[in-house]
């Protein structure tokens, strides 16, 4: 489980740095496949984790700032809604 803990630690540091993340970003950047499990752990540890729904295109735009990503041409990225999470300070 060493890799799993390392991935979760990287995700935690990303969130503690004041950044928000979606499932898509968690998978692409950290290999975390089930973001809600990590969010649940953070809440159990006492962190206040907020969430909101954003358009997929917003998440993809952020993801493109970290890596090269092209979405399929037929994917309606302006209409699809995803949830992003961040730690409240």
PDB file of N, CA and C in Angstrom:
ATOM      1  N   UNK A   1       0.815  -1.216   0.000  1.00  0.00           N
ATOM      2  CA  UNK A   1       0.000   0.000   0.000  1.00  0.00           C
ATOM      3  C   UNK A   1       0.851   1.270   0.000  1.00  0.00           C
ATOM      4  N   UNK A   2       2.146   1.161  -0.105  1.00  0.00           N
ATOM      5  CA  UNK A   2       3.023   2.319  -0.078  1.00  0.00           C
ATOM      6  C   UNK A   2       2.644   3.327  -1.176  1.00  0.00           C
ATOM      7  N   UNK A   3       2.384   2.832  -2.383  1.00  0.00           N
ATOM      8  CA  UNK A   3       2.051   3.728  -3.485  1.00  0.00           C
ATOM      9  C   UNK A   3       0.758   4.464  -3.180  1.00  0.00           C
ATOM     10  N   UNK A   4      -0.235   3.765  -2.692  1.00  0.00           N
ATOM     11  CA  UNK A   4      -1.529   4.384  -2.377  1.00  0.00           C
ATOM     12  C   UNK A   4      -1.343   5.527  -1.395  1.00  0.00           C
ATOM     13  N   UNK A   5      -0.567   5.292  -0.342  1.00  0.00           N
ATOM     14  CA  UNK A   5      -0.353   6.347   0.646  1.00  0.00           C
ATOM     15  C   UNK A   5       0.399   7.522   0.048  1.00  0.00           C
ATOM     16  N   UNK A   6       1.352   7.244  -0.834  1.00  0.00           N
ATOM     17  CA  UNK A   6       2.090   8.308  -1.494  1.00  0.00           C
ATOM     18  C   UNK A   6       1.195   9.152  -2.383  1.00  0.00           C
ATOM     19  N   UNK A   7       0.286   8.507  -3.080  1.00  0.00           N
ATOM     20  CA  UNK A   7      -0.645   9.227  -3.941  1.00  0.00           C
ATOM     21  C   UNK A   7      -1.569  10.102  -3.108  1.00  0.00           C
ATOM     22  N   UNK A   8      -2.065   9.552  -2.008  1.00  0.00           N
ATOM     23  CA  UNK A   8      -2.946  10.312  -1.135  1.00  0.00           C
ATOM     24  C   UNK A   8      -2.211  11.481  -0.489  1.00  0.00           C
ATOM     25  N   UNK A   9      -0.949  11.281  -0.144  1.00  0.00           N
ATOM     26  CA  UNK A   9      -0.153  12.356   0.446  1.00  0.00           C
ATOM     27  C   UNK A   9       0.053  13.488  -0.561  1.00  0.00           C
ATOM     28  N   UNK A  10       0.341  13.144  -1.798  1.00  0.00           N
ATOM     29  CA  UNK A  10       0.503  14.161  -2.839  1.00  0.00           C
ATOM     30  C   UNK A  10      -0.798  14.932  -3.039  1.00  0.00           C
ATOM     31  N   UNK A  11      -1.914  14.219  -3.036  1.00  0.00           N
ATOM     32  CA  UNK A  11      -3.224  14.861  -3.165  1.00  0.00           C
ATOM     33  C   UNK A  11      -3.471  15.795  -1.988  1.00  0.00           C
ATOM     34  N   UNK A  12      -3.180  15.332  -0.784  1.00  0.00           N
ATOM     35  CA  UNK A  12      -3.373  16.136   0.435  1.00  0.00           C
ATOM     36  C   UNK A  12      -2.555  17.425   0.352  1.00  0.00           C
ATOM     37  N   UNK A  13      -1.305  17.318  -0.046  1.00  0.00           N
ATOM     38  CA  UNK A  13      -0.440  18.492  -0.149  1.00  0.00           C
ATOM     39  C   UNK A  13      -0.964  19.471  -1.194  1.00  0.00           C
ATOM     40  N   UNK A  14      -1.480  18.938  -2.288  1.00  0.00           N
ATOM     41  CA  UNK A  14      -2.081  19.759  -3.336  1.00  0.00           C
ATOM     42  C   UNK A  14      -3.244  20.561  -2.759  1.00  0.00           C
ATOM     43  N   UNK A  15      -4.119  19.899  -2.007  1.00  0.00           N
ATOM     44  CA  UNK A  15      -5.276  20.571  -1.409  1.00  0.00           C
ATOM     45  C   UNK A  15      -4.858  21.546  -0.312  1.00  0.00           C
ATOM     46  N   UNK A  16      -3.885  21.166   0.502  1.00  0.00           N
ATOM     47  CA  UNK A  16      -3.421  22.060   1.572  1.00  0.00           C
ATOM     48  C   UNK A  16      -2.728  23.300   1.018  1.00  0.00           C
ATOM     49  N   UNK A  17      -2.302  23.226  -0.216  1.00  0.00           N
ATOM     50  CA  UNK A  17      -1.694  24.370  -0.890  1.00  0.00           C
ATOM     51  C   UNK A  17      -2.760  25.364  -1.360  1.00  0.00           C
ATOM     52  N   UNK A  18      -4.032  25.056  -1.064  1.00  0.00           N
ATOM     53  CA  UNK A  18      -5.124  25.970  -1.386  1.00  0.00           C
ATOM     54  C   UNK A  18      -5.755  25.764  -2.747  1.00  0.00           C
ATOM     55  N   UNK A  19      -5.460  24.646  -3.384  1.00  0.00           N
ATOM     56  CA  UNK A  19      -6.009  24.384  -4.714  1.00  0.00           C
ATOM     57  C   UNK A  19      -7.216  23.466  -4.635  1.00  0.00           C
ATOM     58  N   UNK A  20      -8.092  23.597  -5.623  1.00  0.00           N
ATOM     59  CA  UNK A  20      -9.273  22.742  -5.733  1.00  0.00           C
ATOM     60  C   UNK A  20      -8.965  21.619  -6.719  1.00  0.00           C
ATOM     61  N   UNK A  21      -9.736  20.532  -6.606  1.00  0.00           N
ATOM     62  CA  UNK A  21      -9.492  19.380  -7.476  1.00  0.00           C
ATOM     63  C   UNK A  21     -10.793  18.649  -7.774  1.00  0.00           C
ATOM     64  N   UNK A  22     -10.864  18.065  -8.955  1.00  0.00           N
ATOM     65  CA  UNK A  22     -11.992  17.223  -9.356  1.00  0.00           C
ATOM     66  C   UNK A  22     -11.495  15.787  -9.493  1.00  0.00           C
ATOM     67  N   UNK A  23     -12.423  14.860  -9.670  1.00  0.00           N
ATOM     68  CA  UNK A  23     -12.035  13.453  -9.882  1.00  0.00           C
ATOM     69  C   UNK A  23     -11.125  13.303 -11.087  1.00  0.00           C
ATOM     70  N   UNK A  24     -11.450  14.009 -12.157  1.00  0.00           N
ATOM     71  CA  UNK A  24     -10.641  13.942 -13.376  1.00  0.00           C
ATOM     72  C   UNK A  24      -9.196  14.346 -13.088  1.00  0.00           C
ATOM     73  N   UNK A  25      -9.022  15.442 -12.387  1.00  0.00           N
ATOM     74  CA  UNK A  25      -7.678  15.918 -12.057  1.00  0.00           C
ATOM     75  C   UNK A  25      -6.974  14.970 -11.091  1.00  0.00           C
ATOM     76  N   UNK A  26      -7.713  14.454 -10.110  1.00  0.00           N
ATOM     77  CA  UNK A  26      -7.115  13.528  -9.144  1.00  0.00           C
ATOM     78  C   UNK A  26      -6.582  12.281  -9.841  1.00  0.00           C
ATOM     79  N   UNK A  27      -7.341  11.774 -10.811  1.00  0.00           N
ATOM     80  CA  UNK A  27      -6.891  10.592 -11.558  1.00  0.00           C
ATOM     81  C   UNK A  27      -5.699  10.927 -12.449  1.00  0.00           C
ATOM     82  N   UNK A  28      -5.792  12.026 -13.180  1.00  0.00           N
ATOM     83  CA  UNK A  28      -4.756  12.373 -14.151  1.00  0.00           C
ATOM     84  C   UNK A  28      -3.457  12.808 -13.480  1.00  0.00           C
ATOM     85  N   UNK A  29      -3.543  13.580 -12.403  1.00  0.00           N
ATOM     86  CA  UNK A  29      -2.342  14.135 -11.779  1.00  0.00           C
ATOM     87  C   UNK A  29      -1.718  13.229 -10.720  1.00  0.00           C
ATOM     88  N   UNK A  30      -2.566  12.493  -9.977  1.00  0.00           N
ATOM     89  CA  UNK A  30      -2.055  11.734  -8.838  1.00  0.00           C
ATOM     90  C   UNK A  30      -2.355  10.242  -8.888  1.00  0.00           C
ATOM     91  N   UNK A  31      -3.146   9.802  -9.852  1.00  0.00           N
ATOM     92  CA  UNK A  31      -3.501   8.394  -9.927  1.00  0.00           C
ATOM     93  C   UNK A  31      -4.494   7.971  -8.858  1.00  0.00           C
ATOM     94  N   UNK A  32      -5.151   8.935  -8.234  1.00  0.00           N
ATOM     95  CA  UNK A  32      -6.158   8.655  -7.208  1.00  0.00           C
ATOM     96  C   UNK A  32      -7.470   8.365  -7.917  1.00  0.00           C
ATOM     97  N   UNK A  33      -7.938   7.118  -7.798  1.00  0.00           N
ATOM     98  CA  UNK A  33      -9.113   6.712  -8.551  1.00  0.00           C
ATOM     99  C   UNK A  33     -10.435   7.001  -7.850  1.00  0.00           C
ATOM    100  N   UNK A  34     -10.409   7.113  -6.521  1.00  0.00           N
ATOM    101  CA  UNK A  34     -11.656   7.362  -5.801  1.00  0.00           C
ATOM    102  C   UNK A  34     -11.479   8.562  -4.878  1.00  0.00           C
ATOM    103  N   UNK A  35     -11.546   9.742  -5.460  1.00  0.00           N
ATOM    104  CA  UNK A  35     -11.354  10.988  -4.722  1.00  0.00           C
ATOM    105  C   UNK A  35     -12.265  11.110  -3.504  1.00  0.00           C
ATOM    106  N   UNK A  36     -13.547  10.752  -3.581  1.00  0.00           N
ATOM    107  CA  UNK A  36     -14.399  10.890  -2.394  1.00  0.00           C
ATOM    108  C   UNK A  36     -13.883  10.128  -1.164  1.00  0.00           C
ATOM    109  N   UNK A  37     -13.207   8.999  -1.354  1.00  0.00           N
ATOM    110  CA  UNK A  37     -12.621   8.289  -0.207  1.00  0.00           C
ATOM    111  C   UNK A  37     -11.561   9.134   0.481  1.00  0.00           C
ATOM    112  N   UNK A  38     -10.716   9.780  -0.299  1.00  0.00           N
ATOM    113  CA  UNK A  38      -9.685  10.643   0.282  1.00  0.00           C
ATOM    114  C   UNK A  38     -10.310  11.864   0.946  1.00  0.00           C
ATOM    115  N   UNK A  39     -11.351  12.408   0.356  1.00  0.00           N
ATOM    116  CA  UNK A  39     -12.054  13.553   0.945  1.00  0.00           C
ATOM    117  C   UNK A  39     -12.672  13.146   2.281  1.00  0.00           C
ATOM    118  N   UNK A  40     -13.263  11.952   2.321  1.00  0.00           N
ATOM    119  CA  UNK A  40     -13.872  11.447   3.553  1.00  0.00           C
ATOM    120  C   UNK A  40     -12.820  11.321   4.659  1.00  0.00           C
ATOM    121  N   UNK A  41     -11.634  10.807   4.303  1.00  0.00           N
ATOM    122  CA  UNK A  41     -10.541  10.686   5.278  1.00  0.00           C
ATOM    123  C   UNK A  41     -10.116  12.048   5.812  1.00  0.00           C
ATOM    124  N   UNK A  42     -10.016  13.020   4.925  1.00  0.00           N
ATOM    125  CA  UNK A  42      -9.629  14.366   5.348  1.00  0.00           C
ATOM    126  C   UNK A  42     -10.659  14.951   6.315  1.00  0.00           C
ATOM    127  N   UNK A  43     -11.924  14.735   6.025  1.00  0.00           N
ATOM    128  CA  UNK A  43     -12.981  15.248   6.918  1.00  0.00           C
ATOM    129  C   UNK A  43     -12.919  14.567   8.282  1.00  0.00           C
ATOM    130  N   UNK A  44     -12.647  13.264   8.298  1.00  0.00           N
ATOM    131  CA  UNK A  44     -12.522  12.543   9.567  1.00  0.00           C
ATOM    132  C   UNK A  44     -11.358  13.063  10.398  1.00  0.00           C
ATOM    133  N   UNK A  45     -10.326  13.569   9.719  1.00  0.00           N
ATOM    134  CA  UNK A  45      -9.168  14.133  10.407  1.00  0.00           C
ATOM    135  C   UNK A  45      -9.411  15.561  10.875  1.00  0.00           C
ATOM    136  N   UNK A  46     -10.595  16.105  10.574  1.00  0.00           N
ATOM    137  CA  UNK A  46     -10.959  17.427  11.061  1.00  0.00           C
ATOM    138  C   UNK A  46     -10.847  18.560  10.057  1.00  0.00           C
ATOM    139  N   UNK A  47     -10.434  18.265   8.844  1.00  0.00           N
ATOM    140  CA  UNK A  47     -10.359  19.310   7.825  1.00  0.00           C
ATOM    141  C   UNK A  47     -11.761  19.671   7.348  1.00  0.00           C
ATOM    142  N   UNK A  48     -11.974  20.930   7.074  1.00  0.00           N
ATOM    143  CA  UNK A  48     -13.234  21.381   6.500  1.00  0.00           C
ATOM    144  C   UNK A  48     -13.049  21.379   4.992  1.00  0.00           C
ATOM    145  N   UNK A  49     -13.735  20.454   4.331  1.00  0.00           N
ATOM    146  CA  UNK A  49     -13.602  20.312   2.874  1.00  0.00           C
ATOM    147  C   UNK A  49     -14.897  20.806   2.235  1.00  0.00           C
ATOM    148  N   UNK A  50     -14.762  21.764   1.368  1.00  0.00           N
ATOM    149  CA  UNK A  50     -15.912  22.329   0.662  1.00  0.00           C
ATOM    150  C   UNK A  50     -15.999  21.704  -0.727  1.00  0.00           C
ATOM    151  N   UNK A  51     -17.166  21.839  -1.350  1.00  0.00           N
ATOM    152  CA  UNK A  51     -17.342  21.341  -2.706  1.00  0.00           C
ATOM    153  C   UNK A  51     -18.355  22.188  -3.446  1.00  0.00           C
ATOM    154  N   UNK A  52     -18.238  22.153  -4.764  1.00  0.00           N
ATOM    155  CA  UNK A  52     -19.208  22.829  -5.624  1.00  0.00           C
ATOM    156  C   UNK A  52     -19.169  22.161  -6.986  1.00  0.00           C
ATOM    157  N   UNK A  53     -20.217  22.355  -7.741  1.00  0.00           N
ATOM    158  CA  UNK A  53     -20.275  21.818  -9.092  1.00  0.00           C
ATOM    159  C   UNK A  53     -19.750  22.851 -10.079  1.00  0.00           C
ATOM    160  N   UNK A  54     -18.920  22.381 -11.001  1.00  0.00           N
ATOM    161  CA  UNK A  54     -18.385  23.245 -12.056  1.00  0.00           C
ATOM    162  C   UNK A  54     -18.557  22.535 -13.390  1.00  0.00           C
ATOM    163  N   UNK A  55     -18.443  23.272 -14.461  1.00  0.00           N
ATOM    164  CA  UNK A  55     -18.523  22.668 -15.784  1.00  0.00           C
ATOM    165  C   UNK A  55     -17.227  21.906 -16.061  1.00  0.00           C
ATOM    166  N   UNK A  56     -17.356  20.815 -16.776  1.00  0.00           N
ATOM    167  CA  UNK A  56     -16.204  19.986 -17.114  1.00  0.00           C
ATOM    168  C   UNK A  56     -15.135  20.797 -17.830  1.00  0.00           C
ATOM    169  N   UNK A  57     -15.542  21.738 -18.652  1.00  0.00           N
ATOM    170  CA  UNK A  57     -14.569  22.545 -19.389  1.00  0.00           C
ATOM    171  C   UNK A  57     -13.645  23.312 -18.436  1.00  0.00           C
ATOM    172  N   UNK A  58     -14.159  23.731 -17.264  1.00  0.00           N
ATOM    173  CA  UNK A  58     -13.314  24.412 -16.284  1.00  0.00           C
ATOM    174  C   UNK A  58     -12.243  23.472 -15.737  1.00  0.00           C
ATOM    175  N   UNK A  59     -12.640  22.235 -15.439  1.00  0.00           N
ATOM    176  CA  UNK A  59     -11.683  21.249 -14.939  1.00  0.00           C
ATOM    177  C   UNK A  59     -10.648  20.912 -16.004  1.00  0.00           C
ATOM    178  N   UNK A  60     -11.088  20.788 -17.239  1.00  0.00           N
ATOM    179  CA  UNK A  60     -10.169  20.474 -18.336  1.00  0.00           C
ATOM    180  C   UNK A  60      -9.192  21.629 -18.557  1.00  0.00           C
ATOM    181  N   UNK A  61      -9.674  22.853 -18.471  1.00  0.00           N
ATOM    182  CA  UNK A  61      -8.803  24.017 -18.627  1.00  0.00           C
ATOM    183  C   UNK A  61      -7.720  24.023 -17.554  1.00  0.00           C
ATOM    184  N   UNK A  62      -8.095  23.722 -16.308  1.00  0.00           N
ATOM    185  CA  UNK A  62      -7.098  23.640 -15.229  1.00  0.00           C
ATOM    186  C   UNK A  62      -6.123  22.506 -15.476  1.00  0.00           C
ATOM    187  N   UNK A  63      -6.654  21.373 -15.907  1.00  0.00           N
ATOM    188  CA  UNK A  63      -5.811  20.204 -16.160  1.00  0.00           C
ATOM    189  C   UNK A  63      -4.787  20.503 -17.250  1.00  0.00           C
ATOM    190  N   UNK A  64      -5.194  21.239 -18.254  1.00  0.00           N
ATOM    191  CA  UNK A  64      -4.282  21.601 -19.355  1.00  0.00           C
ATOM    192  C   UNK A  64      -3.118  22.458 -18.869  1.00  0.00           C
ATOM    193  N   UNK A  65      -3.283  23.152 -17.741  1.00  0.00           N
ATOM    194  CA  UNK A  65      -2.168  23.956 -17.218  1.00  0.00           C
ATOM    195  C   UNK A  65      -1.089  23.061 -16.601  1.00  0.00           C
ATOM    196  N   UNK A  66      -1.418  21.811 -16.311  1.00  0.00           N
ATOM    197  CA  UNK A  66      -0.469  20.863 -15.724  1.00  0.00           C
ATOM    198  C   UNK A  66       0.067  19.860 -16.737  1.00  0.00           C
ATOM    199  N   UNK A  67      -0.695  19.614 -17.792  1.00  0.00           N
ATOM    200  CA  UNK A  67      -0.299  18.588 -18.763  1.00  0.00           C
ATOM    201  C   UNK A  67      -1.027  18.799 -20.085  1.00  0.00           C
ATOM    202  N   UNK A  68      -0.617  18.099 -21.103  1.00  0.00           N
ATOM    203  CA  UNK A  68      -1.297  18.164 -22.384  1.00  0.00           C
ATOM    204  C   UNK A  68      -2.502  17.229 -22.335  1.00  0.00           C
ATOM    205  N   UNK A  69      -3.662  17.765 -22.611  1.00  0.00           N
ATOM    206  CA  UNK A  69      -4.884  16.961 -22.598  1.00  0.00           C
ATOM    207  C   UNK A  69      -5.816  17.470 -23.686  1.00  0.00           C
ATOM    208  N   UNK A  70      -6.311  16.587 -24.481  1.00  0.00           N
ATOM    209  CA  UNK A  70      -7.307  16.907 -25.495  1.00  0.00           C
ATOM    210  C   UNK A  70      -8.525  16.026 -25.249  1.00  0.00           C
ATOM    211  N   UNK A  71      -9.674  16.638 -25.078  1.00  0.00           N
ATOM    212  CA  UNK A  71     -10.894  15.857 -24.887  1.00  0.00           C
ATOM    213  C   UNK A  71     -11.435  15.409 -26.244  1.00  0.00           C
ATOM    214  N   UNK A  72     -12.172  14.307 -26.251  1.00  0.00           N
ATOM    215  CA  UNK A  72     -12.768  13.838 -27.505  1.00  0.00           C
ATOM    216  C   UNK A  72     -13.670  14.917 -28.113  1.00  0.00           C
ATOM    217  N   UNK A  73     -13.648  15.040 -29.408  1.00  0.00           N
ATOM    218  CA  UNK A  73     -14.425  16.088 -30.107  1.00  0.00           C
ATOM    219  C   UNK A  73     -15.922  15.988 -29.838  1.00  0.00           C
ATOM    220  N   UNK A  74     -16.433  14.769 -29.619  1.00  0.00           N
ATOM    221  CA  UNK A  74     -17.878  14.590 -29.432  1.00  0.00           C
ATOM    222  C   UNK A  74     -18.321  14.737 -27.976  1.00  0.00           C
ATOM    223  N   UNK A  75     -17.395  14.938 -27.055  1.00  0.00           N
ATOM    224  CA  UNK A  75     -17.730  15.082 -25.641  1.00  0.00           C
ATOM    225  C   UNK A  75     -18.237  16.496 -25.370  1.00  0.00           C
ATOM    226  N   UNK A  76     -19.472  16.643 -24.872  1.00  0.00           N
ATOM    227  CA  UNK A  76     -20.038  17.982 -24.646  1.00  0.00           C
ATOM    228  C   UNK A  76     -19.495  18.615 -23.359  1.00  0.00           C
ATOM    229  N   UNK A  77     -18.238  19.046 -23.388  1.00  0.00           N
ATOM    230  CA  UNK A  77     -17.563  19.504 -22.166  1.00  0.00           C
ATOM    231  C   UNK A  77     -18.138  20.795 -21.594  1.00  0.00           C
ATOM    232  N   UNK A  78     -18.904  21.534 -22.367  1.00  0.00           N
ATOM    233  CA  UNK A  78     -19.513  22.762 -21.848  1.00  0.00           C
ATOM    234  C   UNK A  78     -20.797  22.475 -21.086  1.00  0.00           C
ATOM    235  N   UNK A  79     -21.377  21.300 -21.284  1.00  0.00           N
ATOM    236  CA  UNK A  79     -22.639  20.960 -20.636  1.00  0.00           C
ATOM    237  C   UNK A  79     -22.475  20.024 -19.447  1.00  0.00           C
ATOM    238  N   UNK A  80     -21.439  19.220 -19.437  1.00  0.00           N
ATOM    239  CA  UNK A  80     -21.240  18.242 -18.355  1.00  0.00           C
ATOM    240  C   UNK A  80     -20.789  18.959 -17.091  1.00  0.00           C
ATOM    241  N   UNK A  81     -21.373  18.573 -15.950  1.00  0.00           N
ATOM    242  CA  UNK A  81     -21.037  19.167 -14.655  1.00  0.00           C
ATOM    243  C   UNK A  81     -20.249  18.144 -13.837  1.00  0.00           C
ATOM    244  N   UNK A  82     -19.180  18.592 -13.188  1.00  0.00           N
ATOM    245  CA  UNK A  82     -18.388  17.749 -12.294  1.00  0.00           C
ATOM    246  C   UNK A  82     -18.280  18.458 -10.947  1.00  0.00           C
ATOM    247  N   UNK A  83     -17.899  17.727  -9.915  1.00  0.00           N
ATOM    248  CA  UNK A  83     -17.756  18.305  -8.581  1.00  0.00           C
ATOM    249  C   UNK A  83     -16.288  18.534  -8.270  1.00  0.00           C
ATOM    250  N   UNK A  84     -15.972  19.718  -7.738  1.00  0.00           N
ATOM    251  CA  UNK A  84     -14.628  19.996  -7.295  1.00  0.00           C
ATOM    252  C   UNK A  84     -14.626  20.139  -5.775  1.00  0.00           C
ATOM    253  N   UNK A  85     -13.515  19.786  -5.151  1.00  0.00           N
ATOM    254  CA  UNK A  85     -13.361  19.839  -3.703  1.00  0.00           C
ATOM    255  C   UNK A  85     -12.155  20.700  -3.367  1.00  0.00           C
ATOM    256  N   UNK A  86     -12.203  21.369  -2.209  1.00  0.00           N
ATOM    257  CA  UNK A  86     -11.047  22.097  -1.698  1.00  0.00           C
ATOM    258  C   UNK A  86     -11.153  22.177  -0.189  1.00  0.00           C
ATOM    259  N   UNK A  87     -10.011  22.421   0.452  1.00  0.00           N
ATOM    260  CA  UNK A  87      -9.992  22.545   1.909  1.00  0.00           C
ATOM    261  C   UNK A  87     -10.217  24.004   2.264  1.00  0.00           C
ATOM    262  N   UNK A  88     -11.189  24.233   3.116  1.00  0.00           N
ATOM    263  CA  UNK A  88     -11.528  25.581   3.557  1.00  0.00           C
ATOM    264  C   UNK A  88     -10.559  26.014   4.651  1.00  0.00           C
ATOM    265  N   UNK A  89     -10.169  27.244   4.594  1.00  0.00           N
ATOM    266  CA  UNK A  89      -9.247  27.780   5.620  1.00  0.00           C
ATOM    267  C   UNK A  89      -9.978  28.686   6.573  1.00  0.00           C
TER     268      UNK A  89
END
